[in-house]
Amino acid sequence: MRSWPALDITVGAASDLLQAALLDYRITAIDETDSHRWRVVFASPADRDAAAGDLARRFRDLTIRFVDVPDQGWAARSQAAVRAIQVGRLIVAPPWDLPPVDDPARIVIIIHPSMGFGTGHHATTRLGLAALQALDLHGRTVLDVGTGSGVLAIAASRLGAARVAGIDDDADAIEAAGENLRLNPQASVQLRLGDLRSATPESSDVVAANLTGGLLIRSARRLQDLTAPSGRLILSGLMAHEESGVRAAFADLALIARAEEEEWVCVTLQRRA
């Protein structure tokens, strides 16, 4: 029987910070026994080992124990529990929970839940989906940085963008995004495997980056360069306490919109002409 690499973590006071830190790693599930005891299941032993070392350095009040969790079908059951959600005009749904759409203004995006990649249920993804809908994408070019499941890229295409690209440095993410793209034949997205620092995509009218706060800061110059003059840059994945640092890294761009949900923040910025 297959087993999954996991960490049993006794959580201190900074649970929100811990959750944000975990986004840097491929996680298949977080089981919160209570507010102070978490079991975090990873996609691979390498992800678990890297996370354990990083968390131990960053959070001195954590107790971390390595465990291997027998599969017993829990992964399939947890995925099967995923249901459709609606964000504005967009409905993000797994293949087994497709809603009837009697309103032509609504758009259904099919995303198959997979290990380690988002389905639209996390606040950061919902904020990104809402930010895309606040812009007129018709005839625009869009770049989705750290595309993961491809949900933001697929959404941009369905919202009328003329050309959409999704880039990720994780081959599994590109594979998952490709599978989801095949479930959405109305969407057209060019997927690229590559590191943001070395890849050379063309600048785009709209750039969406649903990353961590720290990665947004480290990638600030590159993300600005990828945004065309007068273009919009959507930043999601940062927590409220990281906002000032992220905004400082993008000080040359004007703030167009801001939204917050569950301590997560999304900002839309505009590059100067």
C-alpha atoms as a PDB file:
ATOM      1  CA  MET A   1       0.000   0.000   0.000  1.00  0.00           C
ATOM      2  CA  ARG A   2       1.287   3.433  -0.905  1.00  0.00           C
ATOM      3  CA  SER A   3       2.100   5.845   1.899  1.00  0.00           C
ATOM      4  CA  TRP A   4       2.369   9.625   1.828  1.00  0.00           C
ATOM      5  CA  PRO A   5       5.174  11.652   3.481  1.00  0.00           C
ATOM      6  CA  ALA A   6       3.816  13.907   6.200  1.00  0.00           C
ATOM      7  CA  LEU A   7       4.730  16.092   9.143  1.00  0.00           C
ATOM      8  CA  ASP A   8       2.823  16.211  12.412  1.00  0.00           C
ATOM      9  CA  ILE A   9       3.233  19.792  13.613  1.00  0.00           C
ATOM     10  CA  THR A  10       2.332  21.332  16.939  1.00  0.00           C
ATOM     11  CA  VAL A  11       1.553  24.896  15.947  1.00  0.00           C
ATOM     12  CA  GLY A  12       2.445  27.938  18.001  1.00  0.00           C
ATOM     13  CA  ALA A  13       0.851  31.364  17.837  1.00  0.00           C
ATOM     14  CA  ALA A  14       1.844  32.197  14.249  1.00  0.00           C
ATOM     15  CA  SER A  15      -0.496  29.791  12.436  1.00  0.00           C
ATOM     16  CA  ASP A  16      -1.189  32.256   9.607  1.00  0.00           C
ATOM     17  CA  LEU A  17       2.529  32.710   8.997  1.00  0.00           C
ATOM     18  CA  LEU A  18       2.994  28.946   8.995  1.00  0.00           C
ATOM     19  CA  GLN A  19       0.229  28.477   6.437  1.00  0.00           C
ATOM     20  CA  ALA A  20       1.857  31.062   4.190  1.00  0.00           C
ATOM     21  CA  ALA A  21       5.251  29.370   4.512  1.00  0.00           C
ATOM     22  CA  LEU A  22       3.772  26.010   3.537  1.00  0.00           C
ATOM     23  CA  LEU A  23       2.638  27.438   0.190  1.00  0.00           C
ATOM     24  CA  ASP A  24       6.265  27.219  -0.946  1.00  0.00           C
ATOM     25  CA  TYR A  25       5.972  23.415  -0.991  1.00  0.00           C
ATOM     26  CA  ARG A  26       3.804  20.903  -2.792  1.00  0.00           C
ATOM     27  CA  ILE A  27       1.175  19.936  -0.238  1.00  0.00           C
ATOM     28  CA  THR A  28      -1.571  17.399  -0.844  1.00  0.00           C
ATOM     29  CA  ALA A  29      -3.537  18.031   2.364  1.00  0.00           C
ATOM     30  CA  ILE A  30      -3.550  19.751   5.741  1.00  0.00           C
ATOM     31  CA  ASP A  31      -5.510  17.961   8.454  1.00  0.00           C
ATOM     32  CA  GLU A  32      -6.094  20.268  11.421  1.00  0.00           C
ATOM     33  CA  THR A  33      -6.822  18.045  14.409  1.00  0.00           C
ATOM     34  CA  ASP A  34      -7.404  21.294  16.271  1.00  0.00           C
ATOM     35  CA  SER A  35      -6.054  24.830  16.025  1.00  0.00           C
ATOM     36  CA  HIS A  36      -2.670  23.749  17.416  1.00  0.00           C
ATOM     37  CA  ARG A  37      -2.089  20.331  15.845  1.00  0.00           C
ATOM     38  CA  TRP A  38      -1.707  19.898  12.114  1.00  0.00           C
ATOM     39  CA  ARG A  39      -0.834  16.939   9.928  1.00  0.00           C
ATOM     40  CA  VAL A  40       0.638  18.251   6.679  1.00  0.00           C
ATOM     41  CA  VAL A  41       0.879  15.738   3.830  1.00  0.00           C
ATOM     42  CA  PHE A  42       3.345  16.365   1.013  1.00  0.00           C
ATOM     43  CA  ALA A  43       3.580  15.259  -2.601  1.00  0.00           C
ATOM     44  CA  SER A  44       7.098  13.843  -2.146  1.00  0.00           C
ATOM     45  CA  PRO A  45       9.652  13.085   0.595  1.00  0.00           C
ATOM     46  CA  ALA A  46      11.894  15.793  -0.860  1.00  0.00           C
ATOM     47  CA  ASP A  47       9.162  18.402  -0.359  1.00  0.00           C
ATOM     48  CA  ARG A  48       8.620  17.192   3.210  1.00  0.00           C
ATOM     49  CA  ASP A  49      12.322  17.244   4.058  1.00  0.00           C
ATOM     50  CA  ALA A  50      12.836  20.721   2.600  1.00  0.00           C
ATOM     51  CA  ALA A  51       9.779  22.062   4.412  1.00  0.00           C
ATOM     52  CA  ALA A  52      10.808  20.544   7.743  1.00  0.00           C
ATOM     53  CA  GLY A  53      14.234  22.161   7.619  1.00  0.00           C
ATOM     54  CA  ASP A  54      12.868  25.529   6.577  1.00  0.00           C
ATOM     55  CA  LEU A  55      10.077  25.546   9.158  1.00  0.00           C
ATOM     56  CA  ALA A  56      12.432  24.553  11.973  1.00  0.00           C
ATOM     57  CA  ARG A  57      14.658  27.538  11.140  1.00  0.00           C
ATOM     58  CA  ARG A  58      11.822  30.049  10.770  1.00  0.00           C
ATOM     59  CA  PHE A  59       9.514  28.982  13.614  1.00  0.00           C
ATOM     60  CA  ARG A  60      11.267  28.221  16.885  1.00  0.00           C
ATOM     61  CA  ASP A  61       8.070  27.284  18.722  1.00  0.00           C
ATOM     62  CA  LEU A  62       7.073  24.384  16.426  1.00  0.00           C
ATOM     63  CA  THR A  63       7.303  20.714  17.311  1.00  0.00           C
ATOM     64  CA  ILE A  64       7.771  18.667  14.136  1.00  0.00           C
ATOM     65  CA  ARG A  65       7.506  14.888  13.776  1.00  0.00           C
ATOM     66  CA  PHE A  66       8.059  12.906  10.575  1.00  0.00           C
ATOM     67  CA  VAL A  67       5.333  10.375   9.732  1.00  0.00           C
ATOM     68  CA  ASP A  68       4.282   8.276   6.753  1.00  0.00           C
ATOM     69  CA  VAL A  69       0.525   8.118   6.228  1.00  0.00           C
ATOM     70  CA  PRO A  70      -0.948   4.942   4.652  1.00  0.00           C
ATOM     71  CA  ASP A  71      -3.004   5.877   1.616  1.00  0.00           C
ATOM     72  CA  GLN A  72      -6.145   3.845   2.323  1.00  0.00           C
ATOM     73  CA  GLY A  73      -7.840   5.851  -0.414  1.00  0.00           C
ATOM     74  CA  TRP A  74      -7.841   9.106   1.600  1.00  0.00           C
ATOM     75  CA  ALA A  75      -6.355  11.128  -1.265  1.00  0.00           C
ATOM     76  CA  ALA A  76      -9.068  10.076  -3.690  1.00  0.00           C
ATOM     77  CA  ARG A  77     -11.751  10.648  -1.063  1.00  0.00           C
ATOM     78  CA  SER A  78     -10.486  14.121  -0.229  1.00  0.00           C
ATOM     79  CA  GLN A  79     -10.457  15.069  -3.904  1.00  0.00           C
ATOM     80  CA  ALA A  80     -13.953  13.663  -4.425  1.00  0.00           C
ATOM     81  CA  ALA A  81     -15.218  16.001  -1.703  1.00  0.00           C
ATOM     82  CA  VAL A  82     -14.307  19.059  -3.778  1.00  0.00           C
ATOM     83  CA  ARG A  83     -17.348  20.941  -5.042  1.00  0.00           C
ATOM     84  CA  ALA A  84     -17.919  23.813  -7.452  1.00  0.00           C
ATOM     85  CA  ILE A  85     -17.407  27.391  -6.285  1.00  0.00           C
ATOM     86  CA  GLN A  86     -18.469  30.684  -7.834  1.00  0.00           C
ATOM     87  CA  VAL A  87     -16.418  33.872  -8.015  1.00  0.00           C
ATOM     88  CA  GLY A  88     -18.280  36.612  -9.815  1.00  0.00           C
ATOM     89  CA  ARG A  89     -19.167  35.355 -13.294  1.00  0.00           C
ATOM     90  CA  LEU A  90     -16.819  32.390 -12.994  1.00  0.00           C
ATOM     91  CA  ILE A  91     -17.764  28.959 -11.697  1.00  0.00           C
ATOM     92  CA  VAL A  92     -14.774  26.703 -10.987  1.00  0.00           C
ATOM     93  CA  ALA A  93     -15.918  23.094 -10.824  1.00  0.00           C
ATOM     94  CA  PRO A  94     -14.465  19.572 -10.752  1.00  0.00           C
ATOM     95  CA  PRO A  95     -15.715  17.248 -13.505  1.00  0.00           C
ATOM     96  CA  TRP A  96     -18.106  15.490 -11.082  1.00  0.00           C
ATOM     97  CA  ASP A  97     -19.886  18.644  -9.911  1.00  0.00           C
ATOM     98  CA  LEU A  98     -20.643  20.578 -13.092  1.00  0.00           C
ATOM     99  CA  PRO A  99     -23.523  22.964 -12.458  1.00  0.00           C
ATOM    100  CA  PRO A 100     -26.302  23.657 -14.946  1.00  0.00           C
ATOM    101  CA  VAL A 101     -25.613  27.055 -16.443  1.00  0.00           C
ATOM    102  CA  ASP A 102     -28.796  28.776 -17.572  1.00  0.00           C
ATOM    103  CA  ASP A 103     -27.185  32.231 -17.518  1.00  0.00           C
ATOM    104  CA  PRO A 104     -24.986  32.858 -20.587  1.00  0.00           C
ATOM    105  CA  ALA A 105     -23.077  35.488 -18.627  1.00  0.00           C
ATOM    106  CA  ARG A 106     -21.649  32.790 -16.356  1.00  0.00           C
ATOM    107  CA  ILE A 107     -18.516  30.907 -17.340  1.00  0.00           C
ATOM    108  CA  VAL A 108     -17.740  27.374 -16.124  1.00  0.00           C
ATOM    109  CA  ILE A 109     -14.095  26.378 -15.765  1.00  0.00           C
ATOM    110  CA  ILE A 110     -13.410  22.685 -15.168  1.00  0.00           C
ATOM    111  CA  ILE A 111     -10.459  21.974 -12.892  1.00  0.00           C
ATOM    112  CA  HIS A 112      -9.594  18.425 -11.906  1.00  0.00           C
ATOM    113  CA  PRO A 113      -8.185  18.394  -8.351  1.00  0.00           C
ATOM    114  CA  SER A 114      -4.677  16.992  -8.286  1.00  0.00           C
ATOM    115  CA  MET A 115      -1.949  16.573  -5.733  1.00  0.00           C
ATOM    116  CA  GLY A 116      -0.449  19.922  -4.814  1.00  0.00           C
ATOM    117  CA  PHE A 117      -2.275  22.226  -7.238  1.00  0.00           C
ATOM    118  CA  GLY A 118      -5.156  24.568  -6.581  1.00  0.00           C
ATOM    119  CA  THR A 119      -8.805  24.170  -7.484  1.00  0.00           C
ATOM    120  CA  GLY A 120      -9.917  27.752  -6.845  1.00  0.00           C
ATOM    121  CA  HIS A 121     -10.962  27.103  -3.253  1.00  0.00           C
ATOM    122  CA  HIS A 122      -8.071  28.983  -1.650  1.00  0.00           C
ATOM    123  CA  ALA A 123      -8.585  32.671  -0.917  1.00  0.00           C
ATOM    124  CA  THR A 124      -5.542  33.671  -2.982  1.00  0.00           C
ATOM    125  CA  THR A 125      -7.000  32.045  -6.098  1.00  0.00           C
ATOM    126  CA  ARG A 126     -10.443  33.513  -5.515  1.00  0.00           C
ATOM    127  CA  LEU A 127      -8.889  36.966  -5.156  1.00  0.00           C
ATOM    128  CA  GLY A 128      -6.961  36.476  -8.398  1.00  0.00           C
ATOM    129  CA  LEU A 129     -10.088  35.358 -10.243  1.00  0.00           C
ATOM    130  CA  ALA A 130     -11.973  38.413  -8.993  1.00  0.00           C
ATOM    131  CA  ALA A 131      -9.128  40.746  -9.992  1.00  0.00           C
ATOM    132  CA  LEU A 132      -9.081  39.356 -13.540  1.00  0.00           C
ATOM    133  CA  GLN A 133     -12.808  39.978 -13.868  1.00  0.00           C
ATOM    134  CA  ALA A 134     -12.374  43.598 -12.812  1.00  0.00           C
ATOM    135  CA  LEU A 135     -10.269  44.230 -15.934  1.00  0.00           C
ATOM    136  CA  ASP A 136     -11.336  44.352 -19.566  1.00  0.00           C
ATOM    137  CA  LEU A 137      -9.285  41.513 -21.027  1.00  0.00           C
ATOM    138  CA  HIS A 138     -10.764  41.570 -24.527  1.00  0.00           C
ATOM    139  CA  GLY A 139      -7.953  41.730 -27.059  1.00  0.00           C
ATOM    140  CA  ARG A 140      -5.305  41.789 -24.317  1.00  0.00           C
ATOM    141  CA  THR A 141      -2.293  39.567 -23.763  1.00  0.00           C
ATOM    142  CA  VAL A 142      -2.071  37.859 -20.370  1.00  0.00           C
ATOM    143  CA  LEU A 143       0.769  36.056 -18.585  1.00  0.00           C
ATOM    144  CA  ASP A 144       0.043  33.812 -15.581  1.00  0.00           C
ATOM    145  CA  VAL A 145       3.227  33.418 -13.537  1.00  0.00           C
ATOM    146  CA  GLY A 146       3.356  30.265 -11.399  1.00  0.00           C
ATOM    147  CA  THR A 147       0.344  28.880 -13.211  1.00  0.00           C
ATOM    148  CA  GLY A 148      -0.079  25.729 -11.060  1.00  0.00           C
ATOM    149  CA  SER A 149      -3.392  24.164 -12.076  1.00  0.00           C
ATOM    150  CA  GLY A 150      -3.765  26.760 -14.824  1.00  0.00           C
ATOM    151  CA  VAL A 151      -7.011  28.105 -13.397  1.00  0.00           C
ATOM    152  CA  LEU A 152      -6.111  31.806 -13.708  1.00  0.00           C
ATOM    153  CA  ALA A 153      -4.754  31.361 -17.237  1.00  0.00           C
ATOM    154  CA  ILE A 154      -7.833  29.439 -18.347  1.00  0.00           C
ATOM    155  CA  ALA A 155     -10.049  32.074 -16.746  1.00  0.00           C
ATOM    156  CA  ALA A 156      -8.218  34.869 -18.580  1.00  0.00           C
ATOM    157  CA  SER A 157      -8.745  33.121 -21.905  1.00  0.00           C
ATOM    158  CA  ARG A 158     -12.446  32.529 -21.211  1.00  0.00           C
ATOM    159  CA  LEU A 159     -12.800  36.198 -20.219  1.00  0.00           C
ATOM    160  CA  GLY A 160     -11.748  37.267 -23.700  1.00  0.00           C
ATOM    161  CA  ALA A 161      -7.966  37.666 -23.685  1.00  0.00           C
ATOM    162  CA  ALA A 162      -6.442  37.475 -27.156  1.00  0.00           C
ATOM    163  CA  ARG A 163      -3.362  35.535 -26.092  1.00  0.00           C
ATOM    164  CA  VAL A 164      -2.604  33.828 -22.772  1.00  0.00           C
ATOM    165  CA  ALA A 165       0.548  32.116 -21.526  1.00  0.00           C
ATOM    166  CA  GLY A 166       1.097  30.226 -18.293  1.00  0.00           C
ATOM    167  CA  ILE A 167       4.586  29.657 -16.936  1.00  0.00           C
ATOM    168  CA  ASP A 168       5.745  27.428 -14.069  1.00  0.00           C
ATOM    169  CA  ASP A 169       9.086  25.935 -13.059  1.00  0.00           C
ATOM    170  CA  ASP A 170       7.400  22.710 -11.862  1.00  0.00           C
ATOM    171  CA  ALA A 171       6.951  20.061 -14.559  1.00  0.00           C
ATOM    172  CA  ASP A 172       4.110  18.463 -12.570  1.00  0.00           C
ATOM    173  CA  ALA A 173       2.292  21.806 -12.536  1.00  0.00           C
ATOM    174  CA  ILE A 174       2.603  22.151 -16.298  1.00  0.00           C
ATOM    175  CA  GLU A 175       1.284  18.609 -16.698  1.00  0.00           C
ATOM    176  CA  ALA A 176      -1.669  19.344 -14.398  1.00  0.00           C
ATOM    177  CA  ALA A 177      -2.391  22.619 -16.214  1.00  0.00           C
ATOM    178  CA  GLY A 178      -2.271  20.780 -19.544  1.00  0.00           C
ATOM    179  CA  GLU A 179      -4.808  18.243 -18.316  1.00  0.00           C
ATOM    180  CA  ASN A 180      -7.112  21.026 -17.157  1.00  0.00           C
ATOM    181  CA  LEU A 181      -6.690  22.865 -20.436  1.00  0.00           C
ATOM    182  CA  ARG A 182      -7.922  19.768 -22.261  1.00  0.00           C
ATOM    183  CA  LEU A 183     -11.026  19.846 -20.049  1.00  0.00           C
ATOM    184  CA  ASN A 184     -11.684  23.414 -21.216  1.00  0.00           C
ATOM    185  CA  PRO A 185     -11.512  23.320 -25.032  1.00  0.00           C
ATOM    186  CA  GLN A 186     -12.963  26.845 -25.257  1.00  0.00           C
ATOM    187  CA  ALA A 187      -9.754  28.197 -23.672  1.00  0.00           C
ATOM    188  CA  SER A 188      -6.474  28.773 -25.462  1.00  0.00           C
ATOM    189  CA  VAL A 189      -3.348  28.920 -23.299  1.00  0.00           C
ATOM    190  CA  GLN A 190       0.295  28.426 -24.178  1.00  0.00           C
ATOM    191  CA  LEU A 191       2.009  26.598 -21.305  1.00  0.00           C
ATOM    192  CA  ARG A 192       5.727  26.992 -20.696  1.00  0.00           C
ATOM    193  CA  LEU A 193       8.031  25.137 -18.317  1.00  0.00           C
ATOM    194  CA  GLY A 194      10.665  27.485 -16.997  1.00  0.00           C
ATOM    195  CA  ASP A 195      12.032  29.575 -14.172  1.00  0.00           C
ATOM    196  CA  LEU A 196      10.809  33.151 -14.066  1.00  0.00           C
ATOM    197  CA  ARG A 197      14.372  34.423 -13.776  1.00  0.00           C
ATOM    198  CA  SER A 198      15.649  32.635 -16.896  1.00  0.00           C
ATOM    199  CA  ALA A 199      12.535  32.328 -19.066  1.00  0.00           C
ATOM    200  CA  THR A 200      12.013  35.014 -21.673  1.00  0.00           C
ATOM    201  CA  PRO A 201       8.289  35.412 -22.340  1.00  0.00           C
ATOM    202  CA  GLU A 202       7.189  38.571 -24.108  1.00  0.00           C
ATOM    203  CA  SER A 203       5.826  41.415 -22.024  1.00  0.00           C
ATOM    204  CA  SER A 204       2.058  41.248 -21.568  1.00  0.00           C
ATOM    205  CA  ASP A 205      -0.761  43.715 -21.084  1.00  0.00           C
ATOM    206  CA  VAL A 206      -1.782  41.871 -17.915  1.00  0.00           C
ATOM    207  CA  VAL A 207       0.477  39.792 -15.670  1.00  0.00           C
ATOM    208  CA  ALA A 208      -1.000  37.694 -12.865  1.00  0.00           C
ATOM    209  CA  ALA A 209       1.337  36.372 -10.173  1.00  0.00           C
ATOM    210  CA  ASN A 210      -0.224  34.286  -7.404  1.00  0.00           C
ATOM    211  CA  LEU A 211       2.966  33.614  -5.440  1.00  0.00           C
ATOM    212  CA  THR A 212       4.160  34.055  -1.860  1.00  0.00           C
ATOM    213  CA  GLY A 213       4.929  37.477  -0.445  1.00  0.00           C
ATOM    214  CA  GLY A 214       8.647  36.742  -0.272  1.00  0.00           C
ATOM    215  CA  LEU A 215       8.787  35.493  -3.845  1.00  0.00           C
ATOM    216  CA  LEU A 216       6.877  38.531  -5.082  1.00  0.00           C
ATOM    217  CA  ILE A 217       9.464  40.790  -3.453  1.00  0.00           C
ATOM    218  CA  ARG A 218      12.396  38.807  -4.873  1.00  0.00           C
ATOM    219  CA  SER A 219      10.821  38.777  -8.338  1.00  0.00           C
ATOM    220  CA  ALA A 220       9.624  42.389  -8.340  1.00  0.00           C
ATOM    221  CA  ARG A 221      11.947  43.718 -11.021  1.00  0.00           C
ATOM    222  CA  ARG A 222      11.334  40.766 -13.314  1.00  0.00           C
ATOM    223  CA  LEU A 223       7.556  40.962 -12.929  1.00  0.00           C
ATOM    224  CA  GLN A 224       7.603  44.677 -13.711  1.00  0.00           C
ATOM    225  CA  ASP A 225       9.703  44.054 -16.817  1.00  0.00           C
ATOM    226  CA  LEU A 226       7.183  41.446 -17.989  1.00  0.00           C
ATOM    227  CA  THR A 227       4.354  43.985 -17.671  1.00  0.00           C
ATOM    228  CA  ALA A 228       3.911  46.104 -20.794  1.00  0.00           C
ATOM    229  CA  PRO A 229       3.894  49.915 -20.462  1.00  0.00           C
ATOM    230  CA  SER A 230       0.494  51.002 -19.055  1.00  0.00           C
ATOM    231  CA  GLY A 231      -0.170  47.308 -18.334  1.00  0.00           C
ATOM    232  CA  ARG A 232      -1.688  45.842 -15.190  1.00  0.00           C
ATOM    233  CA  LEU A 233       0.044  43.564 -12.684  1.00  0.00           C
ATOM    234  CA  ILE A 234      -2.098  41.424 -10.382  1.00  0.00           C
ATOM    235  CA  LEU A 235      -0.277  40.286  -7.241  1.00  0.00           C
ATOM    236  CA  SER A 236      -1.885  37.635  -5.040  1.00  0.00           C
ATOM    237  CA  GLY A 237      -0.582  35.185  -2.466  1.00  0.00           C
ATOM    238  CA  LEU A 238       0.639  37.789   0.003  1.00  0.00           C
ATOM    239  CA  MET A 239      -0.646  38.077   3.551  1.00  0.00           C
ATOM    240  CA  ALA A 240      -1.793  41.327   5.102  1.00  0.00           C
ATOM    241  CA  HIS A 241       1.334  41.667   7.226  1.00  0.00           C
ATOM    242  CA  GLU A 242       3.486  41.322   4.072  1.00  0.00           C
ATOM    243  CA  GLU A 243       1.656  43.987   2.099  1.00  0.00           C
ATOM    244  CA  SER A 244       3.852  46.936   3.014  1.00  0.00           C
ATOM    245  CA  GLY A 245       6.999  45.059   1.985  1.00  0.00           C
ATOM    246  CA  VAL A 246       5.488  43.913  -1.299  1.00  0.00           C
ATOM    247  CA  ARG A 247       4.104  47.363  -2.092  1.00  0.00           C
ATOM    248  CA  ALA A 248       7.529  48.881  -1.411  1.00  0.00           C
ATOM    249  CA  ALA A 249       9.127  46.470  -3.891  1.00  0.00           C
ATOM    250  CA  PHE A 250       6.667  47.695  -6.549  1.00  0.00           C
ATOM    251  CA  ALA A 251       6.772  51.359  -5.561  1.00  0.00           C
ATOM    252  CA  ASP A 252       7.100  52.542  -9.173  1.00  0.00           C
ATOM    253  CA  LEU A 253       3.656  51.140 -10.030  1.00  0.00           C
ATOM    254  CA  ALA A 254       0.335  52.806  -9.233  1.00  0.00           C
ATOM    255  CA  LEU A 255      -2.238  51.031  -7.089  1.00  0.00           C
ATOM    256  CA  ILE A 256      -5.456  50.425  -9.055  1.00  0.00           C
ATOM    257  CA  ALA A 257      -7.352  48.049  -6.775  1.00  0.00           C
ATOM    258  CA  ARG A 258      -6.971  46.134  -3.524  1.00  0.00           C
ATOM    259  CA  ALA A 259      -8.962  43.276  -1.995  1.00  0.00           C
ATOM    260  CA  GLU A 260      -8.536  41.219   1.167  1.00  0.00           C
ATOM    261  CA  GLU A 261      -9.970  37.882   2.288  1.00  0.00           C
ATOM    262  CA  GLU A 262      -9.037  35.788   5.324  1.00  0.00           C
ATOM    263  CA  GLU A 263      -5.829  37.791   5.912  1.00  0.00           C
ATOM    264  CA  TRP A 264      -4.813  37.319   2.272  1.00  0.00           C
ATOM    265  CA  VAL A 265      -4.376  40.371   0.046  1.00  0.00           C
ATOM    266  CA  CYS A 266      -4.521  40.909  -3.708  1.00  0.00           C
ATOM    267  CA  VAL A 267      -3.483  44.160  -5.361  1.00  0.00           C
ATOM    268  CA  THR A 268      -3.735  45.305  -8.964  1.00  0.00           C
ATOM    269  CA  LEU A 269      -1.001  47.700 -10.003  1.00  0.00           C
ATOM    270  CA  GLN A 270      -0.436  49.688 -13.199  1.00  0.00           C
ATOM    271  CA  ARG A 271       2.879  50.281 -14.871  1.00  0.00           C
ATOM    272  CA  ARG A 272       3.585  53.745 -16.195  1.00  0.00           C
ATOM    273  CA  ALA A 273       3.376  54.355 -19.922  1.00  0.00           C
END
